Amino acid sequence: MRCLLKYIWFLISVFLITPAFTMPSHAQERVVVFAASSMKDALDHISADFEAENPDIDIVLSYASSGVLARQIANDAPADIFLSASADWMDYLVVQDRIKQSAIKALATNELVVVASQTLSENQDWSQLLSANRFAMGDPSHVPAGIYAKQAFETLSQWNTISKNAVFTENVRIALGIVERGEVGAAVLYKSDAQLSDTLQIIHTFSQTDHASISYPIVQLSKSNDAAGLFYEFLFAADAQSVLDEFGFNRARSDGQAVSSIQRANNATSLALWPIIWLSLQVALVAMLFAVPIAYFVAFVLARYEFTGKALLQALVMTPLVMPPVVTGYLLLLVFGSKGEVGQFLSAIGIEFAFKWTGAALAAGLMAFPLLVRPMRLSIEAVDRGIVDAASTLGANKWTLFRTVYLPLSLPGIIAGGVLGFAKSLGEFGATITFVSNIPDETQTISLAIYSFLQSPNGDRAAFTLMLISIAIALGAVLLSEMVSSHLNKKARL
C-alpha cells in the first residue's frame, strides 16, 4: 500500500512539474476558431501556413456541426472567429446579439455532388442508382448538406421516389465514411469532401439552380484580439484562397457578402412527437424483452458457479459500461453491417440490423446489459443458502430449485435491473447513432430527436417537450419499480 501511495505521488509530481519544462520561452497569443467540420482539412492546412509566418500566434481549431458551435458561442464560449456551413446559424447569433449582421462575410462556396464506389453503366442513370439502393446524405432536418440535397431532389421531382432509401447522417464526413466502407451504394456530399476519397467517383454534380447557394459565412467576434484580426484577414488572402481551391471549394462573391439563409425542412421544428415516443418505447421494450433473459442466465452463472475464465466473463459483461458508446456502435456496424460476416449471413435469411429499428434495439440492449446483470447477480447471491439446501433435501432438482427458489427470491433484482436497463435503452445515443444513424420514423429515438432539434435554430420548443416527456417516462418507470419491489418485499415478509 505504501509503495502504491509513493507511485501515485510520483505521477502527480510529474504531472505538475512537466508543464514547467514544456512551456514555451515566450507567451503566444491564442486565436480560437470555431469551424464547421467540412472545413477541417483546408483550415488545418491554412492555419499551419499562418503559424509558420507568425510563430508568436497559436491557432486553436475546434470543429463540430455549425449548430453546436453557434449554441456554444451564444453561451459565451471563448471563440474569436466563427466559420459556419450555414447562414441560419449566423442569423441565430445576430438574434442572440452576439454578432452584427454587417460583420458577416462569405469565405467560400461549394458544390453538391453524388458519389459512388463504381462507375455507372451506359444504360444506368445516377437517379436510378439512388432509387434502387441505400445512399447516405446529411440529415435534412438540420445538416446543411442534407437540406441542400433535399432541395435539389425536390426541384428535380425525385424526393418522394428516393427518400425511402436515404440514410441520414449527422454530417457529410459520416456519409463519406459509410459509402467508403460499402455500407451504402452512394452518397450526396460536398465536392470538397468527395475529393478527399481515392476510392469514390463523382457520378453527378447538381446545378447551382437546383438548390440554394452553398456558402460558408465567417465572422470575427467583437471580443477577439488583434491576432484574430490578422488570421481573419489571412483567410481572405491569395494564399489561403488557393488552398481552399485545392481542397475543392469555390471562391465567394467578390463583395464578400454572405448569402441569405437556406430554407430548412419543415420537420425541423415539427411537434408531431408521438411517432418518436412510440418508436423509443418500442426499441426499449424489445431490447429488454431479449436482454433480460440472457442477462439473468449470465447473472446466475456468475453468482452460483466457479469456473476457469469467470473473471474474463465478468470483464466482458461490464465492458459496454466503460467503453465509449461510439466504439460499441462502430463494432456493431462492422459485425452486423452489410460488409460484416454476421451481417451478410443474417441478410441472406432476411434479418437486418444496420440502419433499422431492430439495430437500435440491439445497440440499446447491449449498452444496458451491464446494468441488467449487476442487480440480478446481487439478488441471486442474497438467496439464503439454507432455503436451497432444505429444498434439495426434500428432493427438489436443479430446475425445481431455479423455478421455485431462485427465480421468486431474486425477482426484486430482476425488476430493478429491467427498469435500469429500460431507462438506459430509452436514453441511448452514441452507439445507436453510429450503428443505425438518425432516420426519422425508422431509428430516430427520443435522444436522437432531441439532438436533431437542438441543431435547428427554431428547435428549442420541440427539444424541451421531448426532454420533459423522457423525464416523465423515466420517473414513471422508476416509481413503478419501487411500488412492485415494495409489494414483493411485504409479501415475502408475510
Protein backbone atom coordinates (compact mmCIF):
# COMPACT_ATOMS: atom_id res chain seq x y z
CA MET A 1 0.00 0.00 0.00
CA ARG A 2 2.84 2.38 0.87
CA CYS A 3 4.51 1.66 -2.46
CA LEU A 4 1.25 2.41 -4.27
CA LEU A 5 0.92 5.77 -2.50
CA LYS A 6 4.51 6.66 -3.38
CA TYR A 7 3.82 5.79 -7.02
CA ILE A 8 0.69 7.97 -7.06
CA TRP A 9 2.59 10.91 -5.56
CA PHE A 10 5.31 10.39 -8.18
CA LEU A 11 2.76 10.59 -11.02
CA ILE A 12 1.21 13.72 -9.52
CA SER A 13 4.65 15.34 -9.23
CA VAL A 14 5.47 14.52 -12.85
CA PHE A 15 2.09 15.90 -13.94
CA LEU A 16 2.71 19.18 -12.09
CA ILE A 17 6.36 19.63 -12.99
CA THR A 18 6.30 18.66 -16.68
CA PRO A 19 4.44 21.79 -17.90
CA ALA A 20 7.25 23.96 -16.46
CA PHE A 21 9.71 22.33 -18.86
CA THR A 22 7.41 22.15 -21.86
CA MET A 23 6.10 25.72 -21.69
CA PRO A 24 7.46 27.98 -24.45
CA SER A 25 10.02 30.62 -23.52
CA HIS A 26 7.68 33.39 -24.64
CA ALA A 27 3.90 33.58 -24.39
CA GLN A 28 1.94 33.03 -27.61
CA GLU A 29 -1.26 34.81 -28.48
CA ARG A 30 -4.10 32.33 -28.89
CA VAL A 31 -6.76 32.57 -31.56
CA VAL A 32 -9.69 30.21 -31.02
CA VAL A 33 -11.51 29.34 -34.24
CA PHE A 34 -14.86 27.53 -34.21
CA ALA A 35 -15.39 25.97 -37.64
CA ALA A 36 -17.78 23.60 -39.41
CA SER A 37 -16.49 20.03 -39.75
CA SER A 38 -16.46 20.16 -43.56
CA MET A 39 -13.74 22.85 -43.44
CA LYS A 40 -11.31 20.78 -41.37
CA ASP A 41 -8.74 19.66 -43.94
CA ALA A 42 -8.46 23.02 -45.69
CA LEU A 43 -8.42 25.02 -42.46
CA ASP A 44 -5.78 22.76 -40.89
CA HIS A 45 -3.53 23.49 -43.86
CA ILE A 46 -4.22 27.23 -43.82
CA SER A 47 -3.61 27.56 -40.06
CA ALA A 48 -0.30 25.70 -40.38
CA ASP A 49 0.81 28.17 -43.08
CA PHE A 50 -0.25 31.12 -40.92
CA GLU A 51 1.59 29.84 -37.84
CA ALA A 52 4.73 29.32 -39.93
CA GLU A 53 4.62 33.01 -40.86
CA ASN A 54 3.51 34.13 -37.37
CA PRO A 55 5.26 31.95 -34.76
CA ASP A 56 4.02 34.17 -31.92
CA ILE A 57 0.39 33.27 -32.67
CA ASP A 58 -1.21 29.92 -31.82
CA ILE A 59 -4.31 28.97 -33.83
CA VAL A 60 -6.63 26.69 -31.86
CA LEU A 61 -9.19 24.98 -34.10
CA SER A 62 -12.42 23.49 -32.77
CA TYR A 63 -14.56 21.53 -35.26
CA ALA A 64 -18.18 20.46 -34.86
CA SER A 65 -21.53 20.99 -36.53
CA SER A 66 -22.43 24.63 -37.09
CA GLY A 67 -25.40 24.35 -34.73
CA VAL A 68 -23.36 23.00 -31.81
CA LEU A 69 -20.75 25.71 -32.23
CA ALA A 70 -23.31 28.52 -32.56
CA ARG A 71 -25.08 27.48 -29.37
CA GLN A 72 -21.75 27.35 -27.54
CA ILE A 73 -20.91 30.87 -28.73
CA ALA A 74 -24.35 32.04 -27.61
CA ASN A 75 -23.42 30.73 -24.15
CA ASP A 76 -20.14 32.68 -24.04
CA ALA A 77 -17.74 30.08 -25.45
CA PRO A 78 -14.30 31.74 -25.90
CA ALA A 79 -14.32 31.83 -29.71
CA ASP A 80 -12.57 34.58 -31.66
CA ILE A 81 -13.71 33.54 -35.15
CA PHE A 82 -16.74 31.51 -36.23
CA LEU A 83 -16.82 29.79 -39.64
CA SER A 84 -20.20 28.22 -40.34
CA ALA A 85 -21.60 25.98 -43.07
CA SER A 86 -24.99 27.63 -42.69
CA ALA A 87 -26.16 31.24 -42.78
CA ASP A 88 -29.05 30.23 -40.50
CA TRP A 89 -26.71 29.93 -37.53
CA MET A 90 -25.20 33.33 -38.24
CA ASP A 91 -28.74 34.74 -38.14
CA TYR A 92 -29.25 32.92 -34.84
CA LEU A 93 -26.22 34.65 -33.32
CA VAL A 94 -27.42 38.00 -34.65
CA VAL A 95 -30.75 37.47 -32.87
CA GLN A 96 -28.83 36.47 -29.72
CA ASP A 97 -26.93 39.78 -30.03
CA ARG A 98 -23.55 38.03 -30.24
CA ILE A 99 -22.55 39.33 -33.67
CA LYS A 100 -23.53 42.11 -36.07
CA GLN A 101 -25.12 41.27 -39.41
CA SER A 102 -22.79 43.70 -41.16
CA ALA A 103 -19.72 41.78 -39.88
CA ILE A 104 -20.64 38.54 -41.67
CA LYS A 105 -18.80 37.71 -44.90
CA ALA A 106 -18.71 34.69 -47.19
CA LEU A 107 -15.34 32.93 -47.17
CA ALA A 108 -16.05 30.25 -49.78
CA THR A 109 -18.76 28.36 -51.64
CA ASN A 110 -19.19 24.72 -52.57
CA GLU A 111 -20.99 22.35 -54.91
CA LEU A 112 -23.22 19.35 -54.23
CA VAL A 113 -22.36 16.01 -55.86
CA VAL A 114 -23.37 12.36 -55.86
CA VAL A 115 -20.54 9.86 -55.38
CA ALA A 116 -20.38 6.08 -55.75
CA SER A 117 -17.70 3.42 -55.45
CA GLN A 118 -18.17 2.32 -59.05
CA THR A 119 -18.91 3.97 -62.36
CA LEU A 120 -22.37 3.79 -63.86
CA SER A 121 -23.13 1.52 -66.78
CA GLU A 122 -24.07 3.05 -70.12
CA ASN A 123 -27.78 2.47 -69.55
CA GLN A 124 -27.80 3.48 -65.87
CA ASP A 125 -28.67 6.94 -64.56
CA TRP A 126 -27.49 8.28 -61.18
CA SER A 127 -31.09 8.70 -60.02
CA GLN A 128 -31.79 5.05 -60.84
CA LEU A 129 -28.88 4.06 -58.58
CA LEU A 130 -30.34 6.05 -55.67
CA SER A 131 -33.84 4.70 -56.33
CA ALA A 132 -32.63 1.09 -56.17
CA ASN A 133 -30.02 1.24 -53.38
CA ARG A 134 -29.46 2.79 -49.98
CA PHE A 135 -27.48 6.03 -50.07
CA ALA A 136 -26.14 8.36 -47.39
CA MET A 137 -26.83 12.09 -47.03
CA GLY A 138 -26.89 14.68 -44.28
CA ASP A 139 -29.99 14.82 -42.11
CA PRO A 140 -32.28 17.32 -43.92
CA SER A 141 -33.78 18.44 -40.61
CA HIS A 142 -30.62 20.31 -39.60
CA VAL A 143 -27.48 19.35 -41.57
CA PRO A 144 -26.87 21.99 -44.27
CA ALA A 145 -25.66 19.44 -46.84
CA GLY A 146 -28.83 17.41 -46.24
CA ILE A 147 -31.03 20.48 -46.59
CA TYR A 148 -29.37 21.37 -49.90
CA ALA A 149 -29.71 17.76 -51.09
CA LYS A 150 -33.41 17.60 -50.28
CA GLN A 151 -33.95 20.93 -52.06
CA ALA A 152 -32.21 19.56 -55.15
CA PHE A 153 -34.20 16.32 -55.14
CA GLU A 154 -37.47 18.23 -54.73
CA THR A 155 -36.52 20.59 -57.57
CA LEU A 156 -35.94 17.53 -59.77
CA SER A 157 -39.20 15.90 -58.51
CA GLN A 158 -37.29 12.88 -57.18
CA TRP A 159 -37.53 13.22 -53.38
CA ASN A 160 -40.66 11.10 -52.95
CA THR A 161 -39.10 8.33 -55.01
CA ILE A 162 -35.66 8.06 -53.42
CA SER A 163 -36.15 9.34 -49.84
CA LYS A 164 -37.08 5.84 -48.65
CA ASN A 165 -33.51 4.72 -49.40
CA ALA A 166 -31.80 7.64 -47.67
CA VAL A 167 -29.61 7.03 -44.62
CA PHE A 168 -29.42 10.34 -42.76
CA THR A 169 -26.14 11.23 -41.05
CA GLU A 170 -25.07 13.99 -38.66
CA ASN A 171 -22.55 15.47 -41.10
CA VAL A 172 -21.15 14.80 -44.56
CA ARG A 173 -17.98 13.22 -43.20
CA ILE A 174 -20.02 10.40 -41.67
CA ALA A 175 -21.83 9.94 -45.00
CA LEU A 176 -18.43 9.79 -46.71
CA GLY A 177 -17.21 7.11 -44.30
CA ILE A 178 -20.34 4.98 -44.73
CA VAL A 179 -20.10 4.87 -48.52
CA GLU A 180 -16.33 4.25 -48.44
CA ARG A 181 -16.90 1.20 -46.22
CA GLY A 182 -19.51 -0.09 -48.66
CA GLU A 183 -22.44 0.07 -46.21
CA VAL A 184 -24.40 2.04 -48.83
CA GLY A 185 -24.11 2.30 -52.58
CA ALA A 186 -23.75 6.07 -52.91
CA ALA A 187 -23.75 9.36 -51.02
CA VAL A 188 -24.61 13.01 -51.53
CA LEU A 189 -21.64 15.14 -50.47
CA TYR A 190 -19.98 18.47 -50.95
CA LYS A 191 -17.47 18.43 -53.78
CA SER A 192 -14.73 19.32 -51.30
CA ASP A 193 -15.46 16.17 -49.28
CA ALA A 194 -15.75 13.97 -52.36
CA GLN A 195 -12.22 14.98 -53.40
CA LEU A 196 -10.82 13.54 -50.16
CA SER A 197 -11.57 9.97 -51.26
CA ASP A 198 -9.38 7.91 -53.56
CA THR A 199 -11.97 5.16 -53.96
CA LEU A 200 -15.11 7.13 -54.84
CA GLN A 201 -16.14 8.69 -58.12
CA ILE A 202 -18.37 11.67 -58.74
CA ILE A 203 -21.29 10.42 -60.84
CA HIS A 204 -23.38 13.60 -60.79
CA THR A 205 -22.96 17.29 -59.97
CA PHE A 206 -26.09 19.22 -59.13
CA SER A 207 -26.74 22.50 -60.84
CA GLN A 208 -26.48 25.61 -58.67
CA THR A 209 -30.11 26.33 -59.63
CA ASP A 210 -31.29 23.05 -58.06
CA HIS A 211 -30.73 24.31 -54.52
CA ALA A 212 -29.87 27.42 -52.52
CA SER A 213 -26.36 28.78 -52.87
CA ILE A 214 -23.89 26.83 -50.69
CA SER A 215 -21.94 29.42 -48.74
CA TYR A 216 -19.55 29.38 -45.77
CA PRO A 217 -20.14 32.60 -43.81
CA ILE A 218 -17.44 33.74 -41.39
CA VAL A 219 -17.40 36.37 -38.66
CA GLN A 220 -14.83 37.78 -36.26
CA LEU A 221 -16.39 38.17 -32.85
CA SER A 222 -16.23 41.60 -31.24
CA LYS A 223 -14.29 40.43 -28.15
CA SER A 224 -11.47 38.89 -30.21
CA ASN A 225 -7.87 40.11 -30.04
CA ASP A 226 -5.61 41.67 -32.68
CA ALA A 227 -4.11 38.28 -33.55
CA ALA A 228 -7.60 37.06 -34.52
CA GLY A 229 -7.87 40.01 -36.89
CA LEU A 230 -4.61 39.02 -38.57
CA PHE A 231 -5.78 35.43 -39.10
CA TYR A 232 -9.18 36.64 -40.31
CA GLU A 233 -7.51 38.78 -42.97
CA PHE A 234 -5.15 35.92 -43.85
CA LEU A 235 -8.13 33.71 -44.69
CA PHE A 236 -9.12 36.09 -47.50
CA ALA A 237 -5.58 36.47 -48.84
CA ALA A 238 -4.50 34.84 -52.09
CA ASP A 239 -2.51 32.01 -50.48
CA ALA A 240 -5.39 30.89 -48.26
CA GLN A 241 -7.87 31.13 -51.12
CA SER A 242 -5.57 28.95 -53.23
CA VAL A 243 -5.63 26.31 -50.50
CA LEU A 244 -9.43 26.42 -50.49
CA ASP A 245 -9.36 25.95 -54.28
CA GLU A 246 -7.03 22.97 -53.86
CA PHE A 247 -9.44 21.30 -51.44
CA GLY A 248 -12.43 21.66 -53.75
CA PHE A 249 -14.05 24.88 -52.51
CA ASN A 250 -15.07 27.70 -54.83
CA ARG A 251 -14.40 31.42 -54.45
CA ALA A 252 -17.03 33.51 -52.74
CA ARG A 253 -18.59 36.58 -54.34
CA SER A 254 -16.15 39.40 -54.83
CA ASP A 255 -18.04 41.66 -52.40
CA GLY A 256 -17.66 39.01 -49.67
CA GLN A 257 -21.29 39.29 -48.62
CA ALA A 258 -22.86 36.14 -47.20
CA VAL A 259 -25.90 34.77 -48.98
CA SER A 260 -29.32 34.63 -47.40
CA SER A 261 -30.34 31.85 -45.08
CA ILE A 262 -31.32 28.49 -46.51
CA GLN A 263 -34.84 27.20 -46.02
CA ARG A 264 -34.88 24.28 -43.62
CA ALA A 265 -37.03 21.22 -43.89
CA ASN A 266 -40.43 21.74 -42.31
CA ASN A 267 -39.96 18.77 -39.98
CA ALA A 268 -37.05 20.50 -38.22
CA THR A 269 -39.40 22.04 -35.68
CA SER A 270 -42.36 19.73 -36.07
CA LEU A 271 -44.27 18.93 -32.91
CA ALA A 272 -45.59 15.57 -34.24
CA LEU A 273 -43.69 13.82 -31.48
CA TRP A 274 -45.84 10.75 -30.85
CA PRO A 275 -44.12 8.59 -33.54
CA ILE A 276 -40.76 9.40 -31.93
CA ILE A 277 -42.04 8.49 -28.45
CA TRP A 278 -43.67 5.28 -29.64
CA LEU A 279 -40.54 4.19 -31.52
CA SER A 280 -38.40 4.88 -28.42
CA LEU A 281 -40.71 2.80 -26.23
CA GLN A 282 -40.75 0.05 -28.84
CA VAL A 283 -36.96 -0.04 -29.06
CA ALA A 284 -36.50 -0.04 -25.28
CA LEU A 285 -39.15 -2.71 -24.65
CA VAL A 286 -37.87 -5.03 -27.38
CA ALA A 287 -34.31 -4.55 -26.13
CA MET A 288 -35.39 -5.59 -22.62
CA LEU A 289 -37.51 -8.47 -23.90
CA PHE A 290 -34.45 -10.14 -25.36
CA ALA A 291 -31.77 -8.85 -22.98
CA VAL A 292 -33.39 -9.66 -19.60
CA PRO A 293 -33.47 -13.50 -20.01
CA ILE A 294 -29.88 -13.55 -21.29
CA ALA A 295 -28.75 -11.21 -18.51
CA TYR A 296 -30.42 -13.37 -15.85
CA PHE A 297 -28.73 -16.51 -17.18
CA VAL A 298 -25.32 -14.78 -17.12
CA ALA A 299 -26.01 -13.38 -13.64
CA PHE A 300 -26.99 -16.85 -12.36
CA VAL A 301 -23.82 -18.41 -13.75
CA LEU A 302 -21.62 -15.72 -12.21
CA ALA A 303 -23.41 -15.90 -8.86
CA ARG A 304 -23.53 -19.68 -8.39
CA TYR A 305 -20.62 -21.23 -10.26
CA GLU A 306 -16.84 -21.11 -10.17
CA PHE A 307 -15.07 -21.87 -13.43
CA THR A 308 -11.99 -21.02 -15.45
CA GLY A 309 -12.48 -17.74 -17.25
CA LYS A 310 -15.03 -16.33 -14.81
CA ALA A 311 -13.04 -13.12 -14.38
CA LEU A 312 -12.89 -12.69 -18.16
CA LEU A 313 -16.66 -13.16 -18.46
CA GLN A 314 -17.22 -10.57 -15.71
CA ALA A 315 -14.98 -8.11 -17.57
CA LEU A 316 -16.76 -8.70 -20.88
CA VAL A 317 -20.15 -8.14 -19.25
CA MET A 318 -19.03 -4.79 -17.83
CA THR A 319 -17.16 -3.61 -20.95
CA PRO A 320 -20.11 -1.76 -22.57
CA LEU A 321 -20.42 0.30 -19.39
CA VAL A 322 -16.87 1.67 -19.59
CA MET A 323 -16.17 1.57 -23.33
CA PRO A 324 -17.10 4.69 -25.36
CA PRO A 325 -20.59 4.14 -26.83
CA VAL A 326 -19.35 5.24 -30.27
CA VAL A 327 -16.82 2.37 -30.20
CA THR A 328 -19.61 -0.09 -29.38
CA GLY A 329 -21.71 1.28 -32.23
CA TYR A 330 -18.83 1.06 -34.69
CA LEU A 331 -18.09 -2.55 -33.70
CA LEU A 332 -21.76 -3.40 -34.22
CA LEU A 333 -21.61 -1.81 -37.66
CA LEU A 334 -18.52 -3.83 -38.56
CA VAL A 335 -20.08 -7.09 -37.38
CA PHE A 336 -23.74 -6.64 -38.37
CA GLY A 337 -23.31 -4.24 -41.29
CA SER A 338 -23.66 -5.32 -44.92
CA LYS A 339 -19.91 -5.97 -45.13
CA GLY A 340 -19.65 -7.94 -41.88
CA GLU A 341 -19.68 -11.74 -41.93
CA VAL A 342 -22.57 -11.93 -39.48
CA GLY A 343 -24.44 -9.15 -41.25
CA GLN A 344 -24.14 -10.88 -44.64
CA PHE A 345 -25.34 -14.20 -43.19
CA LEU A 346 -28.35 -12.62 -41.47
CA SER A 347 -29.20 -10.55 -44.55
CA ALA A 348 -29.32 -13.75 -46.61
CA ILE A 349 -32.08 -15.08 -44.35
CA GLY A 350 -33.96 -11.78 -44.28
CA ILE A 351 -32.73 -10.32 -40.97
CA GLU A 352 -31.19 -6.84 -40.99
CA PHE A 353 -29.92 -4.69 -38.14
CA ALA A 354 -27.85 -1.87 -39.66
CA PHE A 355 -29.91 1.29 -40.23
CA LYS A 356 -33.06 -0.43 -38.93
CA TRP A 357 -35.04 0.00 -35.68
CA THR A 358 -34.09 -3.57 -34.80
CA GLY A 359 -30.48 -2.43 -34.81
CA ALA A 360 -31.40 0.37 -32.41
CA ALA A 361 -32.88 -2.26 -30.08
CA LEU A 362 -29.73 -4.37 -30.39
CA ALA A 363 -27.50 -1.40 -29.55
CA ALA A 364 -29.72 -0.36 -26.64
CA GLY A 365 -29.81 -3.88 -25.22
CA LEU A 366 -26.04 -4.25 -25.43
CA MET A 367 -25.36 -0.90 -23.77
CA ALA A 368 -27.85 -1.69 -20.98
CA PHE A 369 -26.60 -5.24 -20.40
CA PRO A 370 -24.19 -4.45 -17.51
CA LEU A 371 -26.98 -2.59 -15.69
CA LEU A 372 -29.18 -5.68 -16.01
CA VAL A 373 -26.64 -8.22 -14.82
CA ARG A 374 -25.38 -6.43 -11.71
CA PRO A 375 -28.61 -6.18 -9.64
CA MET A 376 -29.72 -9.64 -10.78
CA ARG A 377 -26.45 -11.18 -9.65
CA LEU A 378 -26.64 -9.46 -6.25
CA SER A 379 -30.21 -10.68 -5.72
CA ILE A 380 -29.23 -14.26 -6.62
CA GLU A 381 -26.23 -14.16 -4.28
CA ALA A 382 -28.55 -12.90 -1.50
CA VAL A 383 -30.74 -16.02 -1.68
CA ASP A 384 -30.42 -17.88 1.65
CA ARG A 385 -28.36 -20.99 1.13
CA GLY A 386 -30.29 -22.70 3.90
CA ILE A 387 -33.51 -22.48 1.86
CA VAL A 388 -31.73 -24.01 -1.12
CA ASP A 389 -30.32 -26.86 0.98
CA ALA A 390 -33.73 -27.53 2.57
CA ALA A 391 -35.42 -27.72 -0.81
CA SER A 392 -32.69 -30.06 -2.08
CA THR A 393 -33.19 -32.30 0.95
CA LEU A 394 -36.89 -32.51 0.12
CA GLY A 395 -35.99 -33.81 -3.35
CA ALA A 396 -36.07 -30.68 -5.49
CA ASN A 397 -33.91 -31.00 -8.60
CA LYS A 398 -31.93 -28.12 -10.16
CA TRP A 399 -34.80 -26.99 -12.38
CA THR A 400 -37.24 -27.04 -9.48
CA LEU A 401 -34.77 -25.06 -7.33
CA PHE A 402 -34.39 -22.50 -10.07
CA ARG A 403 -38.13 -22.18 -10.67
CA THR A 404 -39.40 -22.24 -7.08
CA VAL A 405 -36.50 -20.73 -5.08
CA TYR A 406 -34.02 -18.66 -7.07
CA LEU A 407 -36.44 -17.05 -9.50
CA PRO A 408 -39.06 -15.85 -6.97
CA LEU A 409 -36.50 -14.67 -4.39
CA SER A 410 -34.43 -12.79 -6.97
CA LEU A 411 -37.46 -11.14 -8.58
CA PRO A 412 -36.74 -7.70 -6.99
CA GLY A 413 -33.28 -7.76 -8.62
CA ILE A 414 -34.81 -8.70 -11.96
CA ILE A 415 -37.25 -5.79 -11.73
CA ALA A 416 -34.53 -3.35 -10.64
CA GLY A 417 -32.25 -4.45 -13.47
CA GLY A 418 -35.07 -4.30 -16.00
CA VAL A 419 -36.01 -0.76 -15.02
CA LEU A 420 -32.40 0.40 -15.12
CA GLY A 421 -31.95 -1.25 -18.49
CA PHE A 422 -35.18 0.24 -19.84
CA ALA A 423 -34.16 3.73 -18.75
CA LYS A 424 -30.70 3.27 -20.28
CA SER A 425 -32.23 1.98 -23.54
CA LEU A 426 -34.61 4.91 -23.67
CA GLY A 427 -31.73 7.38 -23.46
CA GLU A 428 -29.12 5.54 -25.54
CA PHE A 429 -27.41 7.81 -28.07
CA GLY A 430 -23.79 7.17 -29.08
CA ALA A 431 -23.96 3.51 -30.11
CA THR A 432 -27.35 3.99 -31.76
CA ILE A 433 -26.44 6.93 -33.97
CA THR A 434 -23.21 5.21 -35.05
CA PHE A 435 -24.83 1.87 -35.85
CA VAL A 436 -28.24 2.78 -37.28
CA SER A 437 -27.93 6.53 -37.99
CA ASN A 438 -30.71 9.04 -37.26
CA ILE A 439 -33.52 8.15 -39.67
CA PRO A 440 -36.98 9.64 -38.93
CA ASP A 441 -39.71 7.01 -38.44
CA GLU A 442 -37.09 4.25 -38.55
CA THR A 443 -34.31 4.78 -35.99
CA GLN A 444 -34.89 8.28 -34.58
CA THR A 445 -35.49 7.70 -30.87
CA ILE A 446 -36.10 10.42 -28.27
CA SER A 447 -32.42 11.13 -27.60
CA LEU A 448 -31.61 11.34 -31.32
CA ALA A 449 -34.61 13.57 -31.94
CA ILE A 450 -33.61 15.94 -29.13
CA TYR A 451 -30.15 16.16 -30.65
CA SER A 452 -31.64 16.90 -34.09
CA PHE A 453 -33.98 19.57 -32.78
CA LEU A 454 -31.10 21.27 -30.94
CA GLN A 455 -29.28 21.56 -34.26
CA SER A 456 -32.06 23.79 -35.57
CA PRO A 457 -32.24 27.46 -34.51
CA ASN A 458 -36.00 27.05 -34.02
CA GLY A 459 -35.95 23.59 -32.45
CA ASP A 460 -35.79 24.53 -28.75
CA ARG A 461 -39.51 24.07 -28.12
CA ALA A 462 -39.65 20.56 -29.57
CA ALA A 463 -36.44 19.57 -27.79
CA PHE A 464 -37.76 20.85 -24.45
CA THR A 465 -41.06 19.00 -24.93
CA LEU A 466 -39.26 15.73 -25.63
CA MET A 467 -36.99 16.31 -22.65
CA LEU A 468 -39.99 16.65 -20.31
CA ILE A 469 -41.61 13.54 -21.79
CA SER A 470 -38.44 11.47 -21.41
CA ILE A 471 -38.09 12.59 -17.78
CA ALA A 472 -41.72 11.67 -17.12
CA ILE A 473 -41.29 8.21 -18.67
CA ALA A 474 -38.10 7.53 -16.72
CA LEU A 475 -39.60 8.69 -13.41
CA GLY A 476 -42.76 6.68 -14.06
CA ALA A 477 -40.72 3.53 -14.70
CA VAL A 478 -38.68 4.02 -11.52
CA LEU A 479 -41.79 4.68 -9.40
CA LEU A 480 -43.49 1.59 -10.80
CA SER A 481 -40.39 -0.45 -9.99
CA GLU A 482 -40.34 0.83 -6.41
CA MET A 483 -44.03 0.05 -5.94
CA VAL A 484 -43.66 -3.51 -7.26
CA SER A 485 -40.48 -4.13 -5.24
CA SER A 486 -42.16 -2.84 -2.08
CA HIS A 487 -45.16 -5.11 -2.66
CA LEU A 488 -42.92 -8.14 -3.21
CA ASN A 489 -40.88 -7.41 -0.09
CA LYS A 490 -44.05 -7.12 2.03
CA LYS A 491 -45.36 -10.36 0.56
CA ALA A 492 -42.04 -12.10 1.31
CA ARG A 493 -42.14 -10.98 4.95
CA LEU A 494 -45.63 -12.44 5.32
